Amino acid sequence: MTACKKQKGDLIVLSGPSGVGKSTVIRELLLIRKDIHFSVSYTTRAPRTGEQDGVNYNFVSPAEFQRMVDAEELLEHAEYVGHNYGTSWKVIRDHLDQGDDVLLDIDVQGAIKVRERCPDAVSIFVLPPSLEELARRLRARGTDDEEVIAQRLERAKEECRSCNIYDYLVVNSEVSHTVQEILSILHVYSMRTARRMPLAERIFQAETEAALTASAPSEETKP
């Protein structure tokens, strides 16, 4: 039986504290699952070294971000360490309706809002091996001063305490292992009954059509 495109895609929510390694995990995940559409978030913060507009984030002014909020163009939006982040609802909806799986990299605030509007979304929280290792990774990035790092660590503690609201938890001790765990989660999630019913219906329909064909009189047996 040949695989066919899903009637509707799955919405995948990935969260974790700053510095946990989500960007690296996502990059490796998308190299394996090229069929997943990564939703590029909008943000009012300035690009970091090496970041590209439209690739890592859509960088916009505070005024433009507020316009998008007022026009209800965002599925979710939240403030993080003095900057705003948000996700385009239209882009996500279009891909889901085309049968594409969509991956969101958003914080806990955003994840809660997404679950309210999209209760079928699968949510995964990425934990660090320890807060000490998280602090080491933040300092190794070399992009923030100690005051900002302290803010990120305090925020990380709050976010990790909220990990119980997610469907799945993974610990990012080693990137390749983390990616394999996420792939396993997505594989299992794709086999739930709600997603497999169209396949079952096609099987039942084929069986019914075969039975009708077999019972129909042939030209030779017609009176």
Foldseek 3Di string as FASTA:
>chain_A
DDDDFFQFAAEEEEEAFPLQCPVVLVVVLCVVVVLEAEFAKEKQDDDDPPDDQPPNHPHDHPVVVVVCVVVVQFLFWDDDLHMIITTGPVVNVVQRNVRGYYYYYDAPRRVVSNCVVPVRHAYEYEYEPDLVVSLVSVVVVVPDDPVSSVSSSVVNVVRVVVRVVHPYYDYPPDSVVRSVVVVVVVVVSCPDPVNCVVVVVVVVVVVVVVVVVVPDDDPVPDD
